[in-house]
Every structure is written in C-alpha cells, then in structure tokens.
Amino acid sequence: MIYSKDNSVHYIGGNSCDSWVLNDSCNLSVKQEKMPAGTAEKLHFHEAAEQFFYILRGEAVFDINNEKFSVKAGESISIQPKSEHFISNESLDELEFLVISSPSTNNDRIEIEK
C-alpha cells in the first residue's frame, strides 16, 4: 500500500504537534511531523532506537546531550540510542520533518525530568 498524510494514522502530540504514521513495524518507524512555531518536545532518550530526522520545511533546533544543533530544510541529523535529546521549533514559522527510528520507538521512550 502507498502511504501519505492523507491515508495514514494521525495523532496530536504534546504542544499541538501533528504526527502521521507512515510506517510502524517492530524494526522501523517512519513518521511525518509538524510542529507549530515556538513549540518543543520534552527531554527524553531511547534505550534501543536510533533516530534519523530529515527537515522538510523550516528550521529545527536539536538539543542532544546538552549540545545544540540547528538543522534547516534539506538537512538531516541522527541521534544514537541513550542520547538525551529533544527537538524544538524556535522560529516564527511551522516546522515539518520526517523522523525515522530503528527499531520502533514504541515503549522505548524515557522522559527526563529536569
């Protein structure tokens, strides 16, 4: 089957972020996500999953192990398992990106309280 935002499972995450599940198997998760301006996810890590983010539109700021990275449309970044991280949209424009995780992040996200 061919998947797109039009026919995929959709959910709203924290801070009114949209997420479309394009693929979700034990070994691979692919999601297209959209973050409104001025939003961020919570600091967390994954025990097993490596994640790859590809920015489709806008500019993302990643905090990975207390180091900041700015990633623009057409660029990507990888995050290794056990790395403490979060993505934020510090701009005035919407941010849209793909996040590919292997294995799936289902039951593999541990949030960190600071």
PDB file of N, CA and C in Angstrom:
ATOM      1  N   MET A   1       0.826  -1.178   0.000  1.00  0.00           N
ATOM      2  CA  MET A   1       0.000   0.000   0.000  1.00  0.00           C
ATOM      3  C   MET A   1       0.875   1.248   0.000  1.00  0.00           C
ATOM      4  N   ILE A   2       0.432   2.277  -0.645  1.00  0.00           N
ATOM      5  CA  ILE A   2       1.121   3.562  -0.685  1.00  0.00           C
ATOM      6  C   ILE A   2       0.550   4.434   0.436  1.00  0.00           C
ATOM      7  N   TYR A   3       1.443   5.029   1.255  1.00  0.00           N
ATOM      8  CA  TYR A   3       1.005   5.841   2.380  1.00  0.00           C
ATOM      9  C   TYR A   3       1.357   7.308   2.173  1.00  0.00           C
ATOM     10  N   SER A   4       0.500   8.176   2.723  1.00  0.00           N
ATOM     11  CA  SER A   4       0.731   9.620   2.726  1.00  0.00           C
ATOM     12  C   SER A   4       0.034  10.179   3.963  1.00  0.00           C
ATOM     13  N   LYS A   5       0.138  11.483   4.161  1.00  0.00           N
ATOM     14  CA  LYS A   5      -0.576  12.112   5.271  1.00  0.00           C
ATOM     15  C   LYS A   5      -2.085  11.926   5.122  1.00  0.00           C
ATOM     16  N   ASP A   6      -2.551  11.764   3.881  1.00  0.00           N
ATOM     17  CA  ASP A   6      -3.986  11.648   3.625  1.00  0.00           C
ATOM     18  C   ASP A   6      -4.593  10.328   4.079  1.00  0.00           C
ATOM     19  N   ASN A   7      -3.793   9.246   4.122  1.00  0.00           N
ATOM     20  CA  ASN A   7      -4.374   7.944   4.454  1.00  0.00           C
ATOM     21  C   ASN A   7      -3.662   7.233   5.607  1.00  0.00           C
ATOM     22  N   SER A   8      -2.848   7.964   6.368  1.00  0.00           N
ATOM     23  CA  SER A   8      -2.113   7.364   7.476  1.00  0.00           C
ATOM     24  C   SER A   8      -2.767   7.685   8.812  1.00  0.00           C
ATOM     25  N   VAL A   9      -2.425   6.905   9.821  1.00  0.00           N
ATOM     26  CA  VAL A   9      -2.883   7.184  11.176  1.00  0.00           C
ATOM     27  C   VAL A   9      -2.319   8.538  11.591  1.00  0.00           C
ATOM     28  N   HIS A  10      -3.189   9.388  12.127  1.00  0.00           N
ATOM     29  CA  HIS A  10      -2.794  10.728  12.544  1.00  0.00           C
ATOM     30  C   HIS A  10      -3.073  10.882  14.036  1.00  0.00           C
ATOM     31  N   TYR A  11      -2.158  11.546  14.727  1.00  0.00           N
ATOM     32  CA  TYR A  11      -2.434  11.878  16.132  1.00  0.00           C
ATOM     33  C   TYR A  11      -1.803  13.225  16.459  1.00  0.00           C
ATOM     34  N   ILE A  12      -2.291  13.833  17.527  1.00  0.00           N
ATOM     35  CA  ILE A  12      -1.767  15.105  18.011  1.00  0.00           C
ATOM     36  C   ILE A  12      -0.937  14.811  19.255  1.00  0.00           C
ATOM     37  N   GLY A  13       0.341  15.216  19.205  1.00  0.00           N
ATOM     38  CA  GLY A  13       1.222  15.026  20.357  1.00  0.00           C
ATOM     39  C   GLY A  13       1.258  16.276  21.215  1.00  0.00           C
ATOM     40  N   GLY A  14       2.176  16.309  22.175  1.00  0.00           N
ATOM     41  CA  GLY A  14       2.322  17.463  23.053  1.00  0.00           C
ATOM     42  C   GLY A  14       2.516  18.750  22.278  1.00  0.00           C
ATOM     43  N   ASN A  15       2.059  19.870  22.834  1.00  0.00           N
ATOM     44  CA  ASN A  15       2.180  21.196  22.217  1.00  0.00           C
ATOM     45  C   ASN A  15       1.498  21.294  20.861  1.00  0.00           C
ATOM     46  N   SER A  16       0.431  20.542  20.637  1.00  0.00           N
ATOM     47  CA  SER A  16      -0.348  20.605  19.394  1.00  0.00           C
ATOM     48  C   SER A  16       0.462  20.232  18.159  1.00  0.00           C
ATOM     49  N   CYS A  17       1.379  19.287  18.297  1.00  0.00           N
ATOM     50  CA  CYS A  17       2.179  18.820  17.159  1.00  0.00           C
ATOM     51  C   CYS A  17       1.433  17.695  16.447  1.00  0.00           C
ATOM     52  N   ASP A  18       1.370  17.793  15.123  1.00  0.00           N
ATOM     53  CA  ASP A  18       0.732  16.761  14.309  1.00  0.00           C
ATOM     54  C   ASP A  18       1.737  15.671  13.972  1.00  0.00           C
ATOM     55  N   SER A  19       1.270  14.439  13.937  1.00  0.00           N
ATOM     56  CA  SER A  19       2.123  13.322  13.546  1.00  0.00           C
ATOM     57  C   SER A  19       1.317  12.351  12.695  1.00  0.00           C
ATOM     58  N   TRP A  20       1.915  11.934  11.580  1.00  0.00           N
ATOM     59  CA  TRP A  20       1.317  10.943  10.689  1.00  0.00           C
ATOM     60  C   TRP A  20       2.234   9.724  10.673  1.00  0.00           C
ATOM     61  N   VAL A  21       1.687   8.554  10.954  1.00  0.00           N
ATOM     62  CA  VAL A  21       2.458   7.315  10.994  1.00  0.00           C
ATOM     63  C   VAL A  21       2.466   6.720   9.594  1.00  0.00           C
ATOM     64  N   LEU A  22       3.605   6.823   8.913  1.00  0.00           N
ATOM     65  CA  LEU A  22       3.731   6.303   7.548  1.00  0.00           C
ATOM     66  C   LEU A  22       4.136   4.829   7.533  1.00  0.00           C
ATOM     67  N   ASN A  23       4.841   4.411   8.583  1.00  0.00           N
ATOM     68  CA  ASN A  23       5.231   3.001   8.733  1.00  0.00           C
ATOM     69  C   ASN A  23       5.477   2.755  10.214  1.00  0.00           C
ATOM     70  N   ASP A  24       4.994   1.631  10.714  1.00  0.00           N
ATOM     71  CA  ASP A  24       5.284   1.278  12.100  1.00  0.00           C
ATOM     72  C   ASP A  24       5.323  -0.233  12.226  1.00  0.00           C
ATOM     73  N   SER A  25       6.535  -0.743  12.238  1.00  0.00           N
ATOM     74  CA  SER A  25       6.744  -2.168  12.459  1.00  0.00           C
ATOM     75  C   SER A  25       7.715  -2.303  13.631  1.00  0.00           C
ATOM     76  N   CYS A  26       7.996  -3.508  14.041  1.00  0.00           N
ATOM     77  CA  CYS A  26       8.920  -3.711  15.166  1.00  0.00           C
ATOM     78  C   CYS A  26      10.293  -3.125  14.877  1.00  0.00           C
ATOM     79  N   ASN A  27      10.732  -3.225  13.630  1.00  0.00           N
ATOM     80  CA  ASN A  27      12.089  -2.824  13.279  1.00  0.00           C
ATOM     81  C   ASN A  27      12.225  -1.417  12.726  1.00  0.00           C
ATOM     82  N   LEU A  28      11.109  -0.786  12.341  1.00  0.00           N
ATOM     83  CA  LEU A  28      11.211   0.511  11.679  1.00  0.00           C
ATOM     84  C   LEU A  28       9.952   1.339  11.899  1.00  0.00           C
ATOM     85  N   SER A  29      10.169   2.596  12.262  1.00  0.00           N
ATOM     86  CA  SER A  29       9.077   3.547  12.386  1.00  0.00           C
ATOM     87  C   SER A  29       9.409   4.748  11.513  1.00  0.00           C
ATOM     88  N   VAL A  30       8.436   5.200  10.716  1.00  0.00           N
ATOM     89  CA  VAL A  30       8.600   6.394   9.887  1.00  0.00           C
ATOM     90  C   VAL A  30       7.392   7.282  10.142  1.00  0.00           C
ATOM     91  N   LYS A  31       7.663   8.515  10.586  1.00  0.00           N
ATOM     92  CA  LYS A  31       6.587   9.462  10.862  1.00  0.00           C
ATOM     93  C   LYS A  31       6.899  10.790  10.190  1.00  0.00           C
ATOM     94  N   GLN A  32       5.848  11.450   9.747  1.00  0.00           N
ATOM     95  CA  GLN A  32       5.954  12.821   9.259  1.00  0.00           C
ATOM     96  C   GLN A  32       5.324  13.680  10.342  1.00  0.00           C
ATOM     97  N   GLU A  33       6.043  14.702  10.792  1.00  0.00           N
ATOM     98  CA  GLU A  33       5.555  15.506  11.889  1.00  0.00           C
ATOM     99  C   GLU A  33       5.584  16.989  11.549  1.00  0.00           C
ATOM    100  N   LYS A  34       4.687  17.721  12.209  1.00  0.00           N
ATOM    101  CA  LYS A  34       4.586  19.160  12.004  1.00  0.00           C
ATOM    102  C   LYS A  34       4.509  19.818  13.377  1.00  0.00           C
ATOM    103  N   MET A  35       5.411  20.780  13.616  1.00  0.00           N
ATOM    104  CA  MET A  35       5.448  21.495  14.896  1.00  0.00           C
ATOM    105  C   MET A  35       5.125  22.964  14.675  1.00  0.00           C
ATOM    106  N   PRO A  36       4.176  23.499  15.429  1.00  0.00           N
ATOM    107  CA  PRO A  36       3.905  24.937  15.336  1.00  0.00           C
ATOM    108  C   PRO A  36       5.102  25.751  15.840  1.00  0.00           C
ATOM    109  N   ALA A  37       5.133  27.007  15.469  1.00  0.00           N
ATOM    110  CA  ALA A  37       6.181  27.922  15.926  1.00  0.00           C
ATOM    111  C   ALA A  37       6.199  27.972  17.450  1.00  0.00           C
ATOM    112  N   GLY A  38       7.405  28.033  18.010  1.00  0.00           N
ATOM    113  CA  GLY A  38       7.557  28.206  19.446  1.00  0.00           C
ATOM    114  C   GLY A  38       7.258  26.995  20.299  1.00  0.00           C
ATOM    115  N   THR A  39       7.263  25.788  19.722  1.00  0.00           N
ATOM    116  CA  THR A  39       6.974  24.577  20.492  1.00  0.00           C
ATOM    117  C   THR A  39       8.222  23.718  20.637  1.00  0.00           C
ATOM    118  N   ALA A  40       8.181  22.809  21.605  1.00  0.00           N
ATOM    119  CA  ALA A  40       9.296  21.888  21.850  1.00  0.00           C
ATOM    120  C   ALA A  40       8.757  20.630  22.499  1.00  0.00           C
ATOM    121  N   GLU A  41       9.458  19.526  22.282  1.00  0.00           N
ATOM    122  CA  GLU A  41       9.079  18.309  22.986  1.00  0.00           C
ATOM    123  C   GLU A  41       9.877  18.229  24.286  1.00  0.00           C
ATOM    124  N   LYS A  42       9.542  17.263  25.128  1.00  0.00           N
ATOM    125  CA  LYS A  42      10.223  17.085  26.409  1.00  0.00           C
ATOM    126  C   LYS A  42      11.541  16.344  26.212  1.00  0.00           C
ATOM    127  N   LEU A  43      12.484  16.650  27.090  1.00  0.00           N
ATOM    128  CA  LEU A  43      13.771  15.957  27.100  1.00  0.00           C
ATOM    129  C   LEU A  43      13.529  14.474  27.367  1.00  0.00           C
ATOM    130  N   HIS A  44      14.172  13.615  26.564  1.00  0.00           N
ATOM    131  CA  HIS A  44      13.981  12.172  26.702  1.00  0.00           C
ATOM    132  C   HIS A  44      15.148  11.433  26.063  1.00  0.00           C
ATOM    133  N   PHE A  45      15.117  10.114  26.154  1.00  0.00           N
ATOM    134  CA  PHE A  45      16.064   9.268  25.424  1.00  0.00           C
ATOM    135  C   PHE A  45      15.369   7.965  25.072  1.00  0.00           C
ATOM    136  N   HIS A  46      16.008   7.204  24.194  1.00  0.00           N
ATOM    137  CA  HIS A  46      15.507   5.894  23.783  1.00  0.00           C
ATOM    138  C   HIS A  46      16.556   4.859  24.147  1.00  0.00           C
ATOM    139  N   GLU A  47      16.116   3.780  24.761  1.00  0.00           N
ATOM    140  CA  GLU A  47      17.044   2.717  25.152  1.00  0.00           C
ATOM    141  C   GLU A  47      17.675   2.037  23.936  1.00  0.00           C
ATOM    142  N   ALA A  48      16.868   1.733  22.917  1.00  0.00           N
ATOM    143  CA  ALA A  48      17.345   0.930  21.793  1.00  0.00           C
ATOM    144  C   ALA A  48      17.314   1.639  20.443  1.00  0.00           C
ATOM    145  N   ALA A  49      16.404   2.586  20.274  1.00  0.00           N
ATOM    146  CA  ALA A  49      16.174   3.158  18.943  1.00  0.00           C
ATOM    147  C   ALA A  49      17.201   4.222  18.563  1.00  0.00           C
ATOM    148  N   GLU A  50      17.691   4.104  17.344  1.00  0.00           N
ATOM    149  CA  GLU A  50      18.447   5.176  16.703  1.00  0.00           C
ATOM    150  C   GLU A  50      17.423   5.969  15.898  1.00  0.00           C
ATOM    151  N   GLN A  51      17.554   7.303  15.895  1.00  0.00           N
ATOM    152  CA  GLN A  51      16.611   8.130  15.157  1.00  0.00           C
ATOM    153  C   GLN A  51      17.334   8.989  14.128  1.00  0.00           C
ATOM    154  N   PHE A  52      16.653   9.170  12.995  1.00  0.00           N
ATOM    155  CA  PHE A  52      17.150   9.994  11.893  1.00  0.00           C
ATOM    156  C   PHE A  52      16.065  11.014  11.577  1.00  0.00           C
ATOM    157  N   PHE A  53      16.401  12.291  11.643  1.00  0.00           N
ATOM    158  CA  PHE A  53      15.460  13.372  11.355  1.00  0.00           C
ATOM    159  C   PHE A  53      15.858  14.053  10.056  1.00  0.00           C
ATOM    160  N   TYR A  54      14.902  14.218   9.154  1.00  0.00           N
ATOM    161  CA  TYR A  54      15.118  14.936   7.895  1.00  0.00           C
ATOM    162  C   TYR A  54      14.133  16.099   7.861  1.00  0.00           C
ATOM    163  N   ILE A  55      14.647  17.315   7.751  1.00  0.00           N
ATOM    164  CA  ILE A  55      13.805  18.506   7.803  1.00  0.00           C
ATOM    165  C   ILE A  55      13.254  18.798   6.410  1.00  0.00           C
ATOM    166  N   LEU A  56      11.930  18.817   6.306  1.00  0.00           N
ATOM    167  CA  LEU A  56      11.248  19.091   5.043  1.00  0.00           C
ATOM    168  C   LEU A  56      11.012  20.590   4.842  1.00  0.00           C
ATOM    169  N   ARG A  57      10.649  21.276   5.948  1.00  0.00           N
ATOM    170  CA  ARG A  57      10.315  22.695   5.862  1.00  0.00           C
ATOM    171  C   ARG A  57      10.614  23.337   7.204  1.00  0.00           C
ATOM    172  N   GLY A  58      11.248  24.503   7.177  1.00  0.00           N
ATOM    173  CA  GLY A  58      11.543  25.229   8.398  1.00  0.00           C
ATOM    174  C   GLY A  58      12.929  24.941   8.924  1.00  0.00           C
ATOM    175  N   GLU A  59      13.124  25.251  10.200  1.00  0.00           N
ATOM    176  CA  GLU A  59      14.414  25.045  10.855  1.00  0.00           C
ATOM    177  C   GLU A  59      14.175  24.498  12.254  1.00  0.00           C
ATOM    178  N   ALA A  60      14.820  23.376  12.551  1.00  0.00           N
ATOM    179  CA  ALA A  60      14.688  22.721  13.852  1.00  0.00           C
ATOM    180  C   ALA A  60      15.926  23.007  14.686  1.00  0.00           C
ATOM    181  N   VAL A  61      15.725  23.049  15.987  1.00  0.00           N
ATOM    182  CA  VAL A  61      16.848  23.119  16.919  1.00  0.00           C
ATOM    183  C   VAL A  61      16.797  21.842  17.747  1.00  0.00           C
ATOM    184  N   PHE A  62      17.896  21.105  17.728  1.00  0.00           N
ATOM    185  CA  PHE A  62      18.012  19.869  18.498  1.00  0.00           C
ATOM    186  C   PHE A  62      18.951  20.109  19.665  1.00  0.00           C
ATOM    187  N   ASP A  63      18.552  19.650  20.820  1.00  0.00           N
ATOM    188  CA  ASP A  63      19.432  19.616  21.983  1.00  0.00           C
ATOM    189  C   ASP A  63      19.755  18.138  22.187  1.00  0.00           C
ATOM    190  N   ILE A  64      21.016  17.783  21.964  1.00  0.00           N
ATOM    191  CA  ILE A  64      21.454  16.391  22.088  1.00  0.00           C
ATOM    192  C   ILE A  64      22.601  16.356  23.088  1.00  0.00           C
ATOM    193  N   ASN A  65      22.369  15.697  24.211  1.00  0.00           N
ATOM    194  CA  ASN A  65      23.366  15.616  25.283  1.00  0.00           C
ATOM    195  C   ASN A  65      23.913  17.001  25.636  1.00  0.00           C
ATOM    196  N   ASN A  66      23.000  17.963  25.789  1.00  0.00           N
ATOM    197  CA  ASN A  66      23.323  19.349  26.175  1.00  0.00           C
ATOM    198  C   ASN A  66      24.113  20.128  25.130  1.00  0.00           C
ATOM    199  N   GLU A  67      24.091  19.679  23.878  1.00  0.00           N
ATOM    200  CA  GLU A  67      24.713  20.422  22.786  1.00  0.00           C
ATOM    201  C   GLU A  67      23.622  20.775  21.770  1.00  0.00           C
ATOM    202  N   LYS A  68      23.584  22.049  21.327  1.00  0.00           N
ATOM    203  CA  LYS A  68      22.549  22.499  20.390  1.00  0.00           C
ATOM    204  C   LYS A  68      23.023  22.418  18.952  1.00  0.00           C
ATOM    205  N   PHE A  69      22.073  21.990  18.083  1.00  0.00           N
ATOM    206  CA  PHE A  69      22.321  21.892  16.645  1.00  0.00           C
ATOM    207  C   PHE A  69      21.140  22.515  15.914  1.00  0.00           C
ATOM    208  N   SER A  70      21.411  23.369  14.949  1.00  0.00           N
ATOM    209  CA  SER A  70      20.377  23.964  14.110  1.00  0.00           C
ATOM    210  C   SER A  70      20.368  23.199  12.787  1.00  0.00           C
ATOM    211  N   VAL A  71      19.200  22.678  12.402  1.00  0.00           N
ATOM    212  CA  VAL A  71      19.080  21.861  11.201  1.00  0.00           C
ATOM    213  C   VAL A  71      17.997  22.470  10.318  1.00  0.00           C
ATOM    214  N   LYS A  72      18.364  22.825   9.088  1.00  0.00           N
ATOM    215  CA  LYS A  72      17.457  23.517   8.167  1.00  0.00           C
ATOM    216  C   LYS A  72      16.851  22.555   7.148  1.00  0.00           C
ATOM    217  N   ALA A  73      15.851  23.057   6.420  1.00  0.00           N
ATOM    218  CA  ALA A  73      15.203  22.267   5.361  1.00  0.00           C
ATOM    219  C   ALA A  73      16.255  21.708   4.416  1.00  0.00           C
ATOM    220  N   GLY A  74      16.124  20.422   4.094  1.00  0.00           N
ATOM    221  CA  GLY A  74      17.070  19.746   3.217  1.00  0.00           C
ATOM    222  C   GLY A  74      18.244  19.143   3.961  1.00  0.00           C
ATOM    223  N   GLU A  75      18.307  19.323   5.280  1.00  0.00           N
ATOM    224  CA  GLU A  75      19.383  18.760   6.098  1.00  0.00           C
ATOM    225  C   GLU A  75      18.827  17.684   7.027  1.00  0.00           C
ATOM    226  N   SER A  76      19.748  16.894   7.601  1.00  0.00           N
ATOM    227  CA  SER A  76      19.331  15.804   8.488  1.00  0.00           C
ATOM    228  C   SER A  76      20.289  15.692   9.664  1.00  0.00           C
ATOM    229  N   ILE A  77      19.832  14.947  10.671  1.00  0.00           N
ATOM    230  CA  ILE A  77      20.665  14.665  11.847  1.00  0.00           C
ATOM    231  C   ILE A  77      20.263  13.309  12.402  1.00  0.00           C
ATOM    232  N   SER A  78      21.235  12.578  12.941  1.00  0.00           N
ATOM    233  CA  SER A  78      20.980  11.272  13.559  1.00  0.00           C
ATOM    234  C   SER A  78      21.218  11.362  15.057  1.00  0.00           C
ATOM    235  N   ILE A  79      20.437  10.599  15.800  1.00  0.00           N
ATOM    236  CA  ILE A  79      20.565  10.557  17.252  1.00  0.00           C
ATOM    237  C   ILE A  79      20.705   9.099  17.672  1.00  0.00           C
ATOM    238  N   GLN A  80      21.774   8.815  18.380  1.00  0.00           N
ATOM    239  CA  GLN A  80      22.082   7.452  18.797  1.00  0.00           C
ATOM    240  C   GLN A  80      21.269   7.058  20.031  1.00  0.00           C
ATOM    241  N   PRO A  81      21.052   5.748  20.246  1.00  0.00           N
ATOM    242  CA  PRO A  81      20.347   5.296  21.445  1.00  0.00           C
ATOM    243  C   PRO A  81      21.013   5.840  22.706  1.00  0.00           C
ATOM    244  N   LYS A  82      20.205   6.054  23.727  1.00  0.00           N
ATOM    245  CA  LYS A  82      20.626   6.531  25.049  1.00  0.00           C
ATOM    246  C   LYS A  82      21.078   7.998  25.067  1.00  0.00           C
ATOM    247  N   SER A  83      21.023   8.695  23.929  1.00  0.00           N
ATOM    248  CA  SER A  83      21.360  10.119  23.889  1.00  0.00           C
ATOM    249  C   SER A  83      20.161  10.930  24.383  1.00  0.00           C
ATOM    250  N   GLU A  84      20.389  11.775  25.374  1.00  0.00           N
ATOM    251  CA  GLU A  84      19.319  12.642  25.872  1.00  0.00           C
ATOM    252  C   GLU A  84      19.090  13.744  24.848  1.00  0.00           C
ATOM    253  N   HIS A  85      17.830  13.939  24.447  1.00  0.00           N
ATOM    254  CA  HIS A  85      17.574  14.893  23.372  1.00  0.00           C
ATOM    255  C   HIS A  85      16.142  15.411  23.370  1.00  0.00           C
ATOM    256  N   PHE A  86      15.953  16.502  22.626  1.00  0.00           N
ATOM    257  CA  PHE A  86      14.623  16.987  22.268  1.00  0.00           C
ATOM    258  C   PHE A  86      14.758  17.899  21.065  1.00  0.00           C
ATOM    259  N   ILE A  87      13.661  18.030  20.328  1.00  0.00           N
ATOM    260  CA  ILE A  87      13.590  18.912  19.163  1.00  0.00           C
ATOM    261  C   ILE A  87      12.707  20.090  19.534  1.00  0.00           C
ATOM    262  N   SER A  88      13.069  21.273  19.024  1.00  0.00           N
ATOM    263  CA  SER A  88      12.236  22.453  19.248  1.00  0.00           C
ATOM    264  C   SER A  88      12.150  23.274  17.968  1.00  0.00           C
ATOM    265  N   ASN A  89      11.096  24.057  17.903  1.00  0.00           N
ATOM    266  CA  ASN A  89      10.899  24.985  16.797  1.00  0.00           C
ATOM    267  C   ASN A  89      10.932  26.389  17.394  1.00  0.00           C
ATOM    268  N   GLU A  90      12.099  27.016  17.348  1.00  0.00           N
ATOM    269  CA  GLU A  90      12.287  28.336  17.944  1.00  0.00           C
ATOM    270  C   GLU A  90      11.952  29.459  16.970  1.00  0.00           C
ATOM    271  N   SER A  91      11.531  29.104  15.769  1.00  0.00           N
ATOM    272  CA  SER A  91      11.246  30.111  14.740  1.00  0.00           C
ATOM    273  C   SER A  91       9.796  30.582  14.826  1.00  0.00           C
ATOM    274  N   LEU A  92       9.463  31.509  13.948  1.00  0.00           N
ATOM    275  CA  LEU A  92       8.089  32.016  13.858  1.00  0.00           C
ATOM    276  C   LEU A  92       7.276  31.244  12.821  1.00  0.00           C
ATOM    277  N   ASP A  93       7.915  30.289  12.134  1.00  0.00           N
ATOM    278  CA  ASP A  93       7.273  29.511  11.073  1.00  0.00           C
ATOM    279  C   ASP A  93       7.065  28.068  11.510  1.00  0.00           C
ATOM    280  N   GLU A  94       6.136  27.395  10.853  1.00  0.00           N
ATOM    281  CA  GLU A  94       5.882  25.978  11.100  1.00  0.00           C
ATOM    282  C   GLU A  94       7.094  25.145  10.690  1.00  0.00           C
ATOM    283  N   LEU A  95       7.298  24.043  11.378  1.00  0.00           N
ATOM    284  CA  LEU A  95       8.392  23.114  11.098  1.00  0.00           C
ATOM    285  C   LEU A  95       7.787  21.780  10.687  1.00  0.00           C
ATOM    286  N   GLU A  96       8.297  21.184   9.597  1.00  0.00           N
ATOM    287  CA  GLU A  96       7.813  19.871   9.160  1.00  0.00           C
ATOM    288  C   GLU A  96       9.023  18.991   8.875  1.00  0.00           C
ATOM    289  N   PHE A  97       8.945  17.728   9.324  1.00  0.00           N
ATOM    290  CA  PHE A  97      10.099  16.834   9.196  1.00  0.00           C
ATOM    291  C   PHE A  97       9.660  15.376   9.184  1.00  0.00           C
ATOM    292  N   LEU A  98      10.574  14.520   8.740  1.00  0.00           N
ATOM    293  CA  LEU A  98      10.422  13.075   8.849  1.00  0.00           C
ATOM    294  C   LEU A  98      11.290  12.605  10.004  1.00  0.00           C
ATOM    295  N   VAL A  99      10.781  11.682  10.789  1.00  0.00           N
ATOM    296  CA  VAL A  99      11.597  11.030  11.815  1.00  0.00           C
ATOM    297  C   VAL A  99      11.513   9.529  11.575  1.00  0.00           C
ATOM    298  N   ILE A 100      12.687   8.931  11.384  1.00  0.00           N
ATOM    299  CA  ILE A 100      12.798   7.501  11.085  1.00  0.00           C
ATOM    300  C   ILE A 100      13.541   6.861  12.248  1.00  0.00           C
ATOM    301  N   SER A 101      12.940   5.848  12.842  1.00  0.00           N
ATOM    302  CA  SER A 101      13.509   5.211  14.028  1.00  0.00           C
ATOM    303  C   SER A 101      13.666   3.719  13.795  1.00  0.00           C
ATOM    304  N   SER A 102      14.825   3.199  14.231  1.00  0.00           N
ATOM    305  CA  SER A 102      15.081   1.765  14.109  1.00  0.00           C
ATOM    306  C   SER A 102      15.790   1.282  15.367  1.00  0.00           C
ATOM    307  N   PRO A 103      15.201   0.309  16.081  1.00  0.00           N
ATOM    308  CA  PRO A 103      13.857  -0.205  15.896  1.00  0.00           C
ATOM    309  C   PRO A 103      12.818   0.851  16.263  1.00  0.00           C
ATOM    310  N   SER A 104      11.556   0.499  16.208  1.00  0.00           N
ATOM    311  CA  SER A 104      10.472   1.425  16.540  1.00  0.00           C
ATOM    312  C   SER A 104      10.656   1.973  17.953  1.00  0.00           C
ATOM    313  N   THR A 105      10.184   3.188  18.165  1.00  0.00           N
ATOM    314  CA  THR A 105      10.276   3.804  19.497  1.00  0.00           C
ATOM    315  C   THR A 105       9.101   3.425  20.397  1.00  0.00           C
ATOM    316  N   ASN A 106       8.206   2.568  19.928  1.00  0.00           N
ATOM    317  CA  ASN A 106       7.095   2.128  20.777  1.00  0.00           C
ATOM    318  C   ASN A 106       7.644   1.509  22.058  1.00  0.00           C
ATOM    319  N   ASN A 107       7.190   2.036  23.206  1.00  0.00           N
ATOM    320  CA  ASN A 107       7.640   1.553  24.533  1.00  0.00           C
ATOM    321  C   ASN A 107       9.139   1.708  24.736  1.00  0.00           C
ATOM    322  N   ASP A 108       9.782   2.643  24.043  1.00  0.00           N
ATOM    323  CA  ASP A 108      11.239   2.830  24.145  1.00  0.00           C
ATOM    324  C   ASP A 108      11.589   4.282  24.462  1.00  0.00           C
ATOM    325  N   ARG A 109      10.649   5.073  24.902  1.00  0.00           N
ATOM    326  CA  ARG A 109      10.890   6.488  25.210  1.00  0.00           C
ATOM    327  C   ARG A 109      10.874   6.678  26.718  1.00  0.00           C
ATOM    328  N   ILE A 110      11.957   7.245  27.240  1.00  0.00           N
ATOM    329  CA  ILE A 110      12.049   7.530  28.658  1.00  0.00           C
ATOM    330  C   ILE A 110      12.221   9.040  28.826  1.00  0.00           C
ATOM    331  N   GLU A 111      11.189   9.700  29.414  1.00  0.00           N
ATOM    332  CA  GLU A 111      11.259  11.138  29.620  1.00  0.00           C
ATOM    333  C   GLU A 111      12.102  11.458  30.835  1.00  0.00           C
ATOM    334  N   ILE A 112      12.801  12.587  30.765  1.00  0.00           N
ATOM    335  CA  ILE A 112      13.712  13.016  31.817  1.00  0.00           C
ATOM    336  C   ILE A 112      13.160  14.284  32.456  1.00  0.00           C
ATOM    337  N   GLU A 113      12.999  14.273  33.761  1.00  0.00           N
ATOM    338  CA  GLU A 113      12.531  15.467  34.478  1.00  0.00           C
ATOM    339  C   GLU A 113      13.738  16.282  34.892  1.00  0.00           C
ATOM    340  N   LYS A 114      13.702  17.570  34.559  1.00  0.00           N
ATOM    341  CA  LYS A 114      14.788  18.476  34.973  1.00  0.00           C
ATOM    342  C   LYS A 114      14.218  19.708  35.567  1.00  0.00           C
TER     343      LYS A 114
END
